[in-house]
Structure formats: structure tokens, C-alpha cells
Amino acid sequence: MTKTPPLTLPDSVDAVIALLATENYVCDRRLATALFLSLKLARPLFLEGEPGVGKTELAKTLSAALGTALLRVQCFEGLDIAQTAYEWNVARQMIEIRLAEAAHSIHGEGDRERLTHSLYSRNMLIERPLLQALTQSRSPVLLIDELDRADEPFDAFLLEVLAENQITIPEFGTVRADAPPITIITSNRTREIHDALKRRCLYHWVDFPTVERELEIVRLKAPGAADRLTIQVVEFVQRMRKLDLFKAPGVAETIDWTNALVALNTIRLDPATVHDTLGVLLKYQDDIVKLQSGDTAKLLDELRARALLD
């Protein structure tokens, strides 16, 4: 049987930037450094930041660039072990019990022990992403996405996985990874994550990009937009983020808005177009009303003053 070759990981920060660029991910040097150290030291990378700044996309891009599987745990309130790590195949266990009873094969303590052993054998386990990440022959990228949405006890459950690359199953034993996963954890900081979990990770705050980097991103992700429109959109969004909004638009919204404007055959920003398309950029009605009540005109005037509008 042919052994699966190990992953070839980038050997420098510049190599990380170049690797991600092959999948059109524009990575600044600080983030690339954090990712390089995570790969080099085999430590989970914990990313915090506003929604839409590219945290989840980093894990997807890394998986594609390395040519390895992406295993994702999408967190939410009430998440439990059965949904994220494993559960026993109860239906199959019941069938095994009924077959044993029908065959009259249970005669003593030894028979019962053998049956119990078979009921809790490896082939009775249904693997969920966390356990799958430990049983792959080639290191996958394990994405634990929006951990802040899960309940606090879930943080404690993750400690063994993150620190030891293993899961202990009471009825079965401990499953250890032969090829430890590349783990990326994201949080939008709607709650604080337990310090014990953070200590097991390298940490990086993913901020909104600079004008120059956002321009580079939008040019890659919305290639159909004229360069002048792209500049106007990025400058407008960058100024919008300085307003007192409930939820400032992320890079994902900038890309969506640019593509929406292209679909409308927009050549340049104007008050009417911005007014009609704010729902692509903003997701809260109070923010939309704020822009429509005067801030849109103010931002467009600022662009006009810098000769970015005709």
C-alpha cells in the first residue's frame, strides 16, 4: 500500500505570501508571519477580527493551496460532541444486539463482553470533523469557525484536541493523530474565549485592510470593474468604516458591492446608485438610514474633493 506523502509546507514568510497568492488571497506580512509560525511550530492559529475581513477565507485558501482536505466545524449555540467529534451508530448497535439475540449466541459473561466490545468498536463510530481531522493520513486544514458563537463548555472540550491532537472516547479509548491537522480557529469576539484555549494557540487580530491592500483584493475578486470605479468604491468604504455604524462593512461586502455595481453597469458612484444599493454593503437598517440621511452625500463630497469623482 502506497504511503500518503506528507504536506510540503512553506519554508518562509515570503513563501506563505506567495503560496496564498496562488489562490488570489492577498495576505499582509503580519498575518503571513503568524501563519508561518503556526505551521512551523505545529500550533493552532487563533484569529479574531470583525466579520468579513478574511479569517474563514484564509483557511479555505490554505487548504486549496496545499492540496489538502478542509474540515470545518461551524459553531453555534448548543453545539455538542455528537455534532463536532463523534457519535455511536446506535441504529447499527441495535441491529447487532437483535442479531445476537436471534442467534441465541449470548450464553454467558464472556459472550456479553464480546458483544459489548463489538458494539463499541471503531467501526461503530460515526466520525464528525474533529475526529476526522485526527484520522486522516494526510494533514488536513481544520477550521473551527466562529468559536464565539458556541457555548463556553465547548472551549474546554477543545483543549485536548488542540494541546494533544487527540480525543478520548470513554467507551473506546484515545484516538491520536498520526498526521496532526493544521488548525485555524476564528472568532468575531461576540464573547471572550477561555484563556486556557488561547494559551494553546498563536494569536492574531485580523484588521480591516489598508486602502492599497483592499484595492489589490477587489481588483482580484471583482475583475469586471473599471479601475476608476474600484478606486471610488474602496475609498468610499474606507471612509464609511470611520462612521459610527453598528456593523462596518468588511472586505467581503466591498467585493459584493463592486460586483453588484458592475452588474448594474455602473461607471462611477453617484448618490442615486449608492442609495439604491446600500443593502448590498450594509446589513442593518439603522446603518442604512444613517447613510441615506446625509452621510452618503458627505462621503461623496469627500471623494469629489480628492478628485476621485467626476
C-alpha atoms as a PDB file:
ATOM      1  CA  MET A   1       0.000   0.000   0.000  1.00  0.00           C
ATOM      2  CA  THR A   2       1.399   3.403  -1.028  1.00  0.00           C
ATOM      3  CA  LYS A   3       2.001   5.733   1.887  1.00  0.00           C
ATOM      4  CA  THR A   4       0.476   9.193   1.548  1.00  0.00           C
ATOM      5  CA  PRO A   5       3.287  11.761   1.263  1.00  0.00           C
ATOM      6  CA  PRO A   6       3.372  14.484   3.933  1.00  0.00           C
ATOM      7  CA  LEU A   7       2.455  18.050   3.120  1.00  0.00           C
ATOM      8  CA  THR A   8       5.127  20.330   1.733  1.00  0.00           C
ATOM      9  CA  LEU A   9       4.846  23.444   3.876  1.00  0.00           C
ATOM     10  CA  PRO A  10       6.219  26.894   3.003  1.00  0.00           C
ATOM     11  CA  ASP A  11       9.680  27.487   4.447  1.00  0.00           C
ATOM     12  CA  SER A  12       9.500  31.254   4.977  1.00  0.00           C
ATOM     13  CA  VAL A  13       7.085  34.134   5.474  1.00  0.00           C
ATOM     14  CA  ASP A  14       7.582  35.179   1.855  1.00  0.00           C
ATOM     15  CA  ALA A  15       6.762  31.627   0.756  1.00  0.00           C
ATOM     16  CA  VAL A  16       3.479  31.811   2.726  1.00  0.00           C
ATOM     17  CA  ILE A  17       2.549  35.054   0.960  1.00  0.00           C
ATOM     18  CA  ALA A  18       3.413  33.522  -2.412  1.00  0.00           C
ATOM     19  CA  LEU A  19       1.505  30.303  -1.639  1.00  0.00           C
ATOM     20  CA  LEU A  20      -1.682  32.158  -0.723  1.00  0.00           C
ATOM     21  CA  ALA A  21      -1.300  34.400  -3.767  1.00  0.00           C
ATOM     22  CA  THR A  22      -1.640  31.332  -5.994  1.00  0.00           C
ATOM     23  CA  GLU A  23      -5.271  31.231  -4.809  1.00  0.00           C
ATOM     24  CA  ASN A  24      -5.755  35.038  -5.096  1.00  0.00           C
ATOM     25  CA  TYR A  25      -5.555  35.651  -1.349  1.00  0.00           C
ATOM     26  CA  VAL A  26      -3.796  38.924  -0.552  1.00  0.00           C
ATOM     27  CA  CYS A  27      -2.051  38.451   2.778  1.00  0.00           C
ATOM     28  CA  ASP A  28      -0.238  41.166   4.711  1.00  0.00           C
ATOM     29  CA  ARG A  29       3.126  40.353   6.263  1.00  0.00           C
ATOM     30  CA  ARG A  30       1.951  40.261   9.888  1.00  0.00           C
ATOM     31  CA  LEU A  31      -0.732  37.695   9.132  1.00  0.00           C
ATOM     32  CA  ALA A  32       1.662  35.712   6.938  1.00  0.00           C
ATOM     33  CA  THR A  33       4.179  35.669   9.800  1.00  0.00           C
ATOM     34  CA  ALA A  34       1.562  34.365  12.240  1.00  0.00           C
ATOM     35  CA  LEU A  35       0.530  31.651   9.779  1.00  0.00           C
ATOM     36  CA  PHE A  36       4.144  30.666   9.050  1.00  0.00           C
ATOM     37  CA  LEU A  37       4.888  30.292  12.765  1.00  0.00           C
ATOM     38  CA  SER A  38       1.696  28.285  13.234  1.00  0.00           C
ATOM     39  CA  LEU A  39       2.797  25.878  10.502  1.00  0.00           C
ATOM     40  CA  LYS A  40       6.428  25.767  11.636  1.00  0.00           C
ATOM     41  CA  LEU A  41       5.670  25.221  15.328  1.00  0.00           C
ATOM     42  CA  ALA A  42       2.624  22.990  14.696  1.00  0.00           C
ATOM     43  CA  ARG A  43       0.424  25.226  16.838  1.00  0.00           C
ATOM     44  CA  PRO A  44      -3.218  26.207  16.212  1.00  0.00           C
ATOM     45  CA  LEU A  45      -3.735  29.730  14.888  1.00  0.00           C
ATOM     46  CA  PHE A  46      -6.447  31.742  16.637  1.00  0.00           C
ATOM     47  CA  LEU A  47      -7.796  34.598  14.507  1.00  0.00           C
ATOM     48  CA  GLU A  48     -10.031  37.341  15.853  1.00  0.00           C
ATOM     49  CA  GLY A  49     -11.445  40.299  13.957  1.00  0.00           C
ATOM     50  CA  GLU A  50     -14.559  41.863  12.516  1.00  0.00           C
ATOM     51  CA  PRO A  51     -16.752  39.716  10.244  1.00  0.00           C
ATOM     52  CA  GLY A  52     -15.802  39.839   6.586  1.00  0.00           C
ATOM     53  CA  VAL A  53     -12.070  40.542   6.927  1.00  0.00           C
ATOM     54  CA  GLY A  54     -10.927  37.188   5.511  1.00  0.00           C
ATOM     55  CA  LYS A  55     -10.474  34.900   8.535  1.00  0.00           C
ATOM     56  CA  THR A  56     -12.527  31.994   7.209  1.00  0.00           C
ATOM     57  CA  GLU A  57     -11.265  32.583   3.691  1.00  0.00           C
ATOM     58  CA  LEU A  58      -7.688  32.114   4.909  1.00  0.00           C
ATOM     59  CA  ALA A  59      -8.416  28.528   5.979  1.00  0.00           C
ATOM     60  CA  LYS A  60     -10.189  27.761   2.702  1.00  0.00           C
ATOM     61  CA  THR A  61      -7.350  29.263   0.684  1.00  0.00           C
ATOM     62  CA  LEU A  62      -4.658  27.436   2.654  1.00  0.00           C
ATOM     63  CA  SER A  63      -6.438  24.119   2.124  1.00  0.00           C
ATOM     64  CA  ALA A  64      -6.708  24.703  -1.620  1.00  0.00           C
ATOM     65  CA  ALA A  65      -3.108  25.947  -1.929  1.00  0.00           C
ATOM     66  CA  LEU A  66      -1.678  22.956  -0.031  1.00  0.00           C
ATOM     67  CA  GLY A  67      -3.935  20.491  -1.847  1.00  0.00           C
ATOM     68  CA  THR A  68      -5.304  19.007   1.357  1.00  0.00           C
ATOM     69  CA  ALA A  69      -8.772  18.470   2.811  1.00  0.00           C
ATOM     70  CA  LEU A  70     -10.680  21.217   4.611  1.00  0.00           C
ATOM     71  CA  LEU A  71     -12.660  20.010   7.635  1.00  0.00           C
ATOM     72  CA  ARG A  72     -14.955  22.670   9.061  1.00  0.00           C
ATOM     73  CA  VAL A  73     -16.747  22.973  12.373  1.00  0.00           C
ATOM     74  CA  GLN A  74     -19.281  25.788  12.068  1.00  0.00           C
ATOM     75  CA  CYS A  75     -20.007  26.839  15.628  1.00  0.00           C
ATOM     76  CA  PHE A  76     -23.396  27.819  17.033  1.00  0.00           C
ATOM     77  CA  GLU A  77     -25.189  27.889  20.368  1.00  0.00           C
ATOM     78  CA  GLY A  78     -25.882  24.384  21.681  1.00  0.00           C
ATOM     79  CA  LEU A  79     -23.087  22.716  19.709  1.00  0.00           C
ATOM     80  CA  ASP A  80     -22.080  19.387  21.272  1.00  0.00           C
ATOM     81  CA  ILE A  81     -19.655  16.488  20.904  1.00  0.00           C
ATOM     82  CA  ALA A  82     -22.010  14.426  18.743  1.00  0.00           C
ATOM     83  CA  GLN A  83     -22.136  17.196  16.146  1.00  0.00           C
ATOM     84  CA  THR A  84     -18.436  18.013  16.133  1.00  0.00           C
ATOM     85  CA  ALA A  85     -16.389  14.967  17.183  1.00  0.00           C
ATOM     86  CA  TYR A  86     -18.197  11.618  17.104  1.00  0.00           C
ATOM     87  CA  GLU A  87     -21.298   9.672  17.962  1.00  0.00           C
ATOM     88  CA  TRP A  88     -22.064   5.994  18.195  1.00  0.00           C
ATOM     89  CA  ASN A  89     -24.051   4.391  15.407  1.00  0.00           C
ATOM     90  CA  VAL A  90     -26.996   3.496  17.628  1.00  0.00           C
ATOM     91  CA  ALA A  91     -29.084   2.016  14.808  1.00  0.00           C
ATOM     92  CA  ARG A  92     -26.306  -0.382  13.859  1.00  0.00           C
ATOM     93  CA  GLN A  93     -25.697  -1.260  17.512  1.00  0.00           C
ATOM     94  CA  MET A  94     -29.366  -2.195  17.931  1.00  0.00           C
ATOM     95  CA  ILE A  95     -29.196  -4.418  14.859  1.00  0.00           C
ATOM     96  CA  GLU A  96     -26.128  -6.207  16.268  1.00  0.00           C
ATOM     97  CA  ILE A  97     -27.940  -6.803  19.562  1.00  0.00           C
ATOM     98  CA  ARG A  98     -31.053  -8.169  17.827  1.00  0.00           C
ATOM     99  CA  LEU A  99     -28.977 -10.419  15.575  1.00  0.00           C
ATOM    100  CA  ALA A 100     -27.137 -11.816  18.615  1.00  0.00           C
ATOM    101  CA  GLU A 101     -30.414 -12.408  20.421  1.00  0.00           C
ATOM    102  CA  ALA A 102     -31.975 -14.077  17.373  1.00  0.00           C
ATOM    103  CA  ALA A 103     -28.961 -16.373  17.033  1.00  0.00           C
ATOM    104  CA  HIS A 104     -29.119 -17.222  20.747  1.00  0.00           C
ATOM    105  CA  SER A 105     -25.376 -16.529  20.887  1.00  0.00           C
ATOM    106  CA  ILE A 106     -25.348 -14.849  24.304  1.00  0.00           C
ATOM    107  CA  HIS A 107     -24.853 -17.615  26.875  1.00  0.00           C
ATOM    108  CA  GLY A 108     -22.562 -16.195  29.493  1.00  0.00           C
ATOM    109  CA  GLU A 109     -20.426 -13.348  30.730  1.00  0.00           C
ATOM    110  CA  GLY A 110     -17.812 -13.929  28.044  1.00  0.00           C
ATOM    111  CA  ASP A 111     -20.390 -13.663  25.274  1.00  0.00           C
ATOM    112  CA  ARG A 112     -21.765 -10.447  26.752  1.00  0.00           C
ATOM    113  CA  GLU A 113     -18.260  -8.945  26.955  1.00  0.00           C
ATOM    114  CA  ARG A 114     -17.555  -9.852  23.324  1.00  0.00           C
ATOM    115  CA  LEU A 115     -20.848  -8.296  22.246  1.00  0.00           C
ATOM    116  CA  THR A 116     -20.155  -5.148  24.240  1.00  0.00           C
ATOM    117  CA  HIS A 117     -16.694  -4.923  22.712  1.00  0.00           C
ATOM    118  CA  SER A 118     -18.125  -5.205  19.197  1.00  0.00           C
ATOM    119  CA  LEU A 119     -20.813  -2.617  19.937  1.00  0.00           C
ATOM    120  CA  TYR A 120     -18.147  -0.076  20.897  1.00  0.00           C
ATOM    121  CA  SER A 121     -15.563  -0.926  18.276  1.00  0.00           C
ATOM    122  CA  ARG A 122     -14.069   1.580  15.837  1.00  0.00           C
ATOM    123  CA  ASN A 123     -16.408   0.643  13.005  1.00  0.00           C
ATOM    124  CA  MET A 124     -19.375   1.635  15.167  1.00  0.00           C
ATOM    125  CA  LEU A 125     -18.125   5.224  15.418  1.00  0.00           C
ATOM    126  CA  ILE A 126     -19.593   7.935  13.222  1.00  0.00           C
ATOM    127  CA  GLU A 127     -16.771  10.423  12.735  1.00  0.00           C
ATOM    128  CA  ARG A 128     -17.512  14.137  12.773  1.00  0.00           C
ATOM    129  CA  PRO A 129     -14.987  16.816  11.667  1.00  0.00           C
ATOM    130  CA  LEU A 130     -12.855  16.902  14.843  1.00  0.00           C
ATOM    131  CA  LEU A 131     -12.335  13.143  14.874  1.00  0.00           C
ATOM    132  CA  GLN A 132     -11.936  13.046  11.095  1.00  0.00           C
ATOM    133  CA  ALA A 133      -9.148  15.622  11.429  1.00  0.00           C
ATOM    134  CA  LEU A 134      -7.229  13.187  13.649  1.00  0.00           C
ATOM    135  CA  THR A 135      -7.701  10.112  11.459  1.00  0.00           C
ATOM    136  CA  GLN A 136      -6.632  11.485   8.073  1.00  0.00           C
ATOM    137  CA  SER A 137      -3.482  10.015   6.546  1.00  0.00           C
ATOM    138  CA  ARG A 138      -2.529  13.478   5.260  1.00  0.00           C
ATOM    139  CA  SER A 139      -2.751  16.549   7.496  1.00  0.00           C
ATOM    140  CA  PRO A 140      -5.993  18.400   6.730  1.00  0.00           C
ATOM    141  CA  VAL A 141      -6.825  22.021   7.483  1.00  0.00           C
ATOM    142  CA  LEU A 142      -9.213  22.018  10.447  1.00  0.00           C
ATOM    143  CA  LEU A 143     -11.325  25.175  10.573  1.00  0.00           C
ATOM    144  CA  ILE A 144     -13.189  25.843  13.819  1.00  0.00           C
ATOM    145  CA  ASP A 145     -15.242  28.772  12.613  1.00  0.00           C
ATOM    146  CA  GLU A 146     -16.845  31.464  14.796  1.00  0.00           C
ATOM    147  CA  LEU A 147     -15.981  29.760  18.074  1.00  0.00           C
ATOM    148  CA  ASP A 148     -17.507  32.695  19.956  1.00  0.00           C
ATOM    149  CA  ARG A 149     -20.959  31.501  18.846  1.00  0.00           C
ATOM    150  CA  ALA A 150     -20.568  28.199  20.706  1.00  0.00           C
ATOM    151  CA  ASP A 151     -21.232  27.824  24.430  1.00  0.00           C
ATOM    152  CA  GLU A 152     -18.277  28.218  26.814  1.00  0.00           C
ATOM    153  CA  PRO A 153     -18.120  24.494  27.792  1.00  0.00           C
ATOM    154  CA  PHE A 154     -17.194  23.724  24.185  1.00  0.00           C
ATOM    155  CA  ASP A 155     -13.935  25.662  24.723  1.00  0.00           C
ATOM    156  CA  ALA A 156     -12.991  23.177  27.440  1.00  0.00           C
ATOM    157  CA  PHE A 157     -13.737  20.190  25.218  1.00  0.00           C
ATOM    158  CA  LEU A 158     -11.377  21.547  22.564  1.00  0.00           C
ATOM    159  CA  LEU A 159      -8.407  21.717  24.932  1.00  0.00           C
ATOM    160  CA  GLU A 160      -7.422  18.067  24.484  1.00  0.00           C
ATOM    161  CA  VAL A 161      -7.733  18.297  20.707  1.00  0.00           C
ATOM    162  CA  LEU A 162      -5.628  21.468  20.486  1.00  0.00           C
ATOM    163  CA  ALA A 163      -2.954  20.539  23.029  1.00  0.00           C
ATOM    164  CA  GLU A 164      -2.515  16.814  22.355  1.00  0.00           C
ATOM    165  CA  ASN A 165      -4.002  16.268  18.886  1.00  0.00           C
ATOM    166  CA  GLN A 166      -6.153  13.531  20.360  1.00  0.00           C
ATOM    167  CA  ILE A 167      -9.705  12.770  21.516  1.00  0.00           C
ATOM    168  CA  THR A 168     -10.523  10.468  24.415  1.00  0.00           C
ATOM    169  CA  ILE A 169     -13.676   8.414  23.873  1.00  0.00           C
ATOM    170  CA  PRO A 170     -14.788   6.894  27.194  1.00  0.00           C
ATOM    171  CA  GLU A 171     -16.190   3.662  25.737  1.00  0.00           C
ATOM    172  CA  PHE A 172     -13.357   3.144  23.263  1.00  0.00           C
ATOM    173  CA  GLY A 173     -10.107   4.826  24.275  1.00  0.00           C
ATOM    174  CA  THR A 174      -7.904   7.595  22.933  1.00  0.00           C
ATOM    175  CA  VAL A 175      -7.602   8.381  19.237  1.00  0.00           C
ATOM    176  CA  ARG A 176      -4.342  10.160  18.396  1.00  0.00           C
ATOM    177  CA  ALA A 177      -3.436  11.867  15.151  1.00  0.00           C
ATOM    178  CA  ASP A 178      -0.696  10.339  13.004  1.00  0.00           C
ATOM    179  CA  ALA A 179      -0.747  13.458  10.830  1.00  0.00           C
ATOM    180  CA  PRO A 180      -1.789  16.387  13.071  1.00  0.00           C
ATOM    181  CA  PRO A 181      -4.211  18.823  11.442  1.00  0.00           C
ATOM    182  CA  ILE A 182      -3.396  22.424  10.609  1.00  0.00           C
ATOM    183  CA  THR A 183      -5.877  24.119  12.915  1.00  0.00           C
ATOM    184  CA  ILE A 184      -7.318  27.587  12.371  1.00  0.00           C
ATOM    185  CA  ILE A 185      -9.840  28.971  14.857  1.00  0.00           C
ATOM    186  CA  THR A 186     -11.826  32.124  14.125  1.00  0.00           C
ATOM    187  CA  SER A 187     -13.845  34.422  16.375  1.00  0.00           C
ATOM    188  CA  ASN A 188     -15.835  37.600  15.794  1.00  0.00           C
ATOM    189  CA  ARG A 189     -15.419  38.379  19.503  1.00  0.00           C
ATOM    190  CA  THR A 190     -19.092  38.349  20.471  1.00  0.00           C
ATOM    191  CA  ARG A 191     -17.832  36.716  23.686  1.00  0.00           C
ATOM    192  CA  GLU A 192     -14.425  36.179  25.238  1.00  0.00           C
ATOM    193  CA  ILE A 193     -12.795  32.824  24.546  1.00  0.00           C
ATOM    194  CA  HIS A 194     -11.359  30.992  27.571  1.00  0.00           C
ATOM    195  CA  ASP A 195      -7.725  31.856  28.347  1.00  0.00           C
ATOM    196  CA  ALA A 196      -6.764  28.176  28.607  1.00  0.00           C
ATOM    197  CA  LEU A 197      -7.744  27.687  24.981  1.00  0.00           C
ATOM    198  CA  LYS A 198      -5.965  30.839  23.806  1.00  0.00           C
ATOM    199  CA  ARG A 199      -2.750  29.730  25.540  1.00  0.00           C
ATOM    200  CA  ARG A 200      -2.638  26.677  23.306  1.00  0.00           C
ATOM    201  CA  CYS A 201      -2.748  28.821  20.173  1.00  0.00           C
ATOM    202  CA  LEU A 202      -0.830  31.518  18.381  1.00  0.00           C
ATOM    203  CA  TYR A 203      -2.960  34.667  18.217  1.00  0.00           C
ATOM    204  CA  HIS A 204      -3.516  37.269  15.518  1.00  0.00           C
ATOM    205  CA  TRP A 205      -6.019  40.097  15.186  1.00  0.00           C
ATOM    206  CA  VAL A 206      -7.166  40.471  11.572  1.00  0.00           C
ATOM    207  CA  ASP A 207      -7.892  44.141  10.986  1.00  0.00           C
ATOM    208  CA  PHE A 208      -9.537  45.916   8.092  1.00  0.00           C
ATOM    209  CA  PRO A 209      -7.022  46.261   5.244  1.00  0.00           C
ATOM    210  CA  THR A 210      -5.307  49.434   4.148  1.00  0.00           C
ATOM    211  CA  VAL A 211      -6.573  51.230   1.053  1.00  0.00           C
ATOM    212  CA  GLU A 212      -3.750  49.761  -1.037  1.00  0.00           C
ATOM    213  CA  ARG A 213      -4.354  46.185   0.083  1.00  0.00           C
ATOM    214  CA  GLU A 214      -8.115  46.441  -0.282  1.00  0.00           C
ATOM    215  CA  LEU A 215      -7.657  47.791  -3.805  1.00  0.00           C
ATOM    216  CA  GLU A 216      -5.479  44.794  -4.618  1.00  0.00           C
ATOM    217  CA  ILE A 217      -8.072  42.409  -3.182  1.00  0.00           C
ATOM    218  CA  VAL A 218     -11.021  43.957  -5.030  1.00  0.00           C
ATOM    219  CA  ARG A 219      -9.125  44.023  -8.312  1.00  0.00           C
ATOM    220  CA  LEU A 220      -8.548  40.284  -7.955  1.00  0.00           C
ATOM    221  CA  LYS A 221     -12.055  39.380  -6.760  1.00  0.00           C
ATOM    222  CA  ALA A 222     -14.046  41.796  -8.962  1.00  0.00           C
ATOM    223  CA  PRO A 223     -12.035  41.926 -12.181  1.00  0.00           C
ATOM    224  CA  GLY A 224     -15.004  43.162 -14.217  1.00  0.00           C
ATOM    225  CA  ALA A 225     -14.979  46.586 -12.555  1.00  0.00           C
ATOM    226  CA  ALA A 226     -13.271  49.514 -14.205  1.00  0.00           C
ATOM    227  CA  ASP A 227     -10.255  50.636 -12.206  1.00  0.00           C
ATOM    228  CA  ARG A 228     -11.731  54.088 -11.573  1.00  0.00           C
ATOM    229  CA  LEU A 229     -14.899  52.567 -10.110  1.00  0.00           C
ATOM    230  CA  THR A 230     -12.831  50.179  -7.968  1.00  0.00           C
ATOM    231  CA  ILE A 231     -10.870  53.093  -6.516  1.00  0.00           C
ATOM    232  CA  GLN A 232     -14.079  55.024  -5.790  1.00  0.00           C
ATOM    233  CA  VAL A 233     -15.689  52.026  -4.090  1.00  0.00           C
ATOM    234  CA  VAL A 234     -12.686  51.258  -1.894  1.00  0.00           C
ATOM    235  CA  GLU A 235     -12.189  54.887  -0.892  1.00  0.00           C
ATOM    236  CA  PHE A 236     -15.920  55.223  -0.111  1.00  0.00           C
ATOM    237  CA  VAL A 237     -15.942  52.068   2.048  1.00  0.00           C
ATOM    238  CA  GLN A 238     -12.742  53.037   3.842  1.00  0.00           C
ATOM    239  CA  ARG A 239     -14.351  56.348   4.847  1.00  0.00           C
ATOM    240  CA  MET A 240     -17.604  54.623   5.762  1.00  0.00           C
ATOM    241  CA  ARG A 241     -15.774  52.466   8.311  1.00  0.00           C
ATOM    242  CA  LYS A 242     -14.866  55.602  10.233  1.00  0.00           C
ATOM    243  CA  LEU A 243     -18.548  56.418  10.803  1.00  0.00           C
ATOM    244  CA  ASP A 244     -20.422  55.363  13.923  1.00  0.00           C
ATOM    245  CA  LEU A 245     -22.076  52.290  12.406  1.00  0.00           C
ATOM    246  CA  PHE A 246     -23.490  49.247  14.161  1.00  0.00           C
ATOM    247  CA  LYS A 247     -21.644  46.975  11.702  1.00  0.00           C
ATOM    248  CA  ALA A 248     -18.959  48.420   9.454  1.00  0.00           C
ATOM    249  CA  PRO A 249     -18.710  46.676   6.071  1.00  0.00           C
ATOM    250  CA  GLY A 250     -15.952  44.103   5.700  1.00  0.00           C
ATOM    251  CA  VAL A 251     -13.852  43.279   2.674  1.00  0.00           C
ATOM    252  CA  ALA A 252     -16.413  40.670   1.648  1.00  0.00           C
ATOM    253  CA  GLU A 253     -19.065  43.407   1.436  1.00  0.00           C
ATOM    254  CA  THR A 254     -16.730  45.643  -0.571  1.00  0.00           C
ATOM    255  CA  ILE A 255     -16.294  42.847  -3.106  1.00  0.00           C
ATOM    256  CA  ASP A 256     -20.033  42.135  -3.195  1.00  0.00           C
ATOM    257  CA  TRP A 257     -20.852  45.823  -3.696  1.00  0.00           C
ATOM    258  CA  THR A 258     -18.313  46.180  -6.503  1.00  0.00           C
ATOM    259  CA  ASN A 259     -19.739  43.158  -8.319  1.00  0.00           C
ATOM    260  CA  ALA A 260     -23.271  44.485  -7.792  1.00  0.00           C
ATOM    261  CA  LEU A 261     -22.308  47.841  -9.305  1.00  0.00           C
ATOM    262  CA  VAL A 262     -20.756  46.070 -12.281  1.00  0.00           C
ATOM    263  CA  ALA A 263     -23.988  44.084 -12.737  1.00  0.00           C
ATOM    264  CA  LEU A 264     -25.855  47.421 -12.855  1.00  0.00           C
ATOM    265  CA  ASN A 265     -23.415  48.740 -15.494  1.00  0.00           C
ATOM    266  CA  THR A 266     -22.308  51.478 -13.110  1.00  0.00           C
ATOM    267  CA  ILE A 267     -19.447  53.613 -14.378  1.00  0.00           C
ATOM    268  CA  ARG A 268     -18.980  55.813 -11.308  1.00  0.00           C
ATOM    269  CA  LEU A 269     -20.531  56.348  -7.890  1.00  0.00           C
ATOM    270  CA  ASP A 270     -23.400  58.795  -7.619  1.00  0.00           C
ATOM    271  CA  PRO A 271     -25.948  59.482  -4.839  1.00  0.00           C
ATOM    272  CA  ALA A 272     -28.813  57.603  -6.508  1.00  0.00           C
ATOM    273  CA  THR A 273     -26.781  54.470  -7.177  1.00  0.00           C
ATOM    274  CA  VAL A 274     -25.328  54.409  -3.683  1.00  0.00           C
ATOM    275  CA  HIS A 275     -28.809  54.959  -2.195  1.00  0.00           C
ATOM    276  CA  ASP A 276     -30.287  52.064  -4.190  1.00  0.00           C
ATOM    277  CA  THR A 277     -27.504  49.558  -3.416  1.00  0.00           C
ATOM    278  CA  LEU A 278     -26.725  50.194   0.262  1.00  0.00           C
ATOM    279  CA  GLY A 279     -28.397  46.892   1.153  1.00  0.00           C
ATOM    280  CA  VAL A 280     -25.504  45.065  -0.509  1.00  0.00           C
ATOM    281  CA  LEU A 281     -22.965  46.908   1.629  1.00  0.00           C
ATOM    282  CA  LEU A 282     -24.786  47.292   4.958  1.00  0.00           C
ATOM    283  CA  LYS A 283     -26.850  44.679   6.820  1.00  0.00           C
ATOM    284  CA  TYR A 284     -28.630  46.781   9.451  1.00  0.00           C
ATOM    285  CA  GLN A 285     -31.488  49.174   8.723  1.00  0.00           C
ATOM    286  CA  ASP A 286     -30.267  51.777  11.230  1.00  0.00           C
ATOM    287  CA  ASP A 287     -26.943  51.961   9.387  1.00  0.00           C
ATOM    288  CA  ILE A 288     -28.711  52.295   6.031  1.00  0.00           C
ATOM    289  CA  VAL A 289     -30.928  55.108   7.362  1.00  0.00           C
ATOM    290  CA  LYS A 290     -27.865  56.878   8.737  1.00  0.00           C
ATOM    291  CA  LEU A 291     -26.176  56.817   5.344  1.00  0.00           C
ATOM    292  CA  GLN A 292     -29.322  57.831   3.488  1.00  0.00           C
ATOM    293  CA  SER A 293     -29.975  60.764   5.823  1.00  0.00           C
ATOM    294  CA  GLY A 294     -26.852  62.656   4.850  1.00  0.00           C
ATOM    295  CA  ASP A 295     -23.676  60.670   5.340  1.00  0.00           C
ATOM    296  CA  THR A 296     -23.731  59.380   1.758  1.00  0.00           C
ATOM    297  CA  ALA A 297     -23.596  62.921   0.379  1.00  0.00           C
ATOM    298  CA  LYS A 298     -20.809  63.793   2.822  1.00  0.00           C
ATOM    299  CA  LEU A 299     -18.691  60.806   1.778  1.00  0.00           C
ATOM    300  CA  LEU A 300     -19.233  61.511  -1.923  1.00  0.00           C
ATOM    301  CA  ASP A 301     -18.252  65.136  -1.363  1.00  0.00           C
ATOM    302  CA  GLU A 302     -15.008  63.925   0.248  1.00  0.00           C
ATOM    303  CA  LEU A 303     -14.257  61.781  -2.806  1.00  0.00           C
ATOM    304  CA  ARG A 304     -15.073  64.705  -5.079  1.00  0.00           C
ATOM    305  CA  ALA A 305     -12.732  66.937  -3.119  1.00  0.00           C
ATOM    306  CA  ARG A 306      -9.941  64.433  -3.774  1.00  0.00           C
ATOM    307  CA  ALA A 307     -10.849  64.387  -7.470  1.00  0.00           C
ATOM    308  CA  LEU A 308     -11.890  60.739  -7.260  1.00  0.00           C
ATOM    309  CA  LEU A 309     -15.313  61.543  -8.715  1.00  0.00           C
ATOM    310  CA  ASP A 310     -16.041  63.278 -11.988  1.00  0.00           C
END
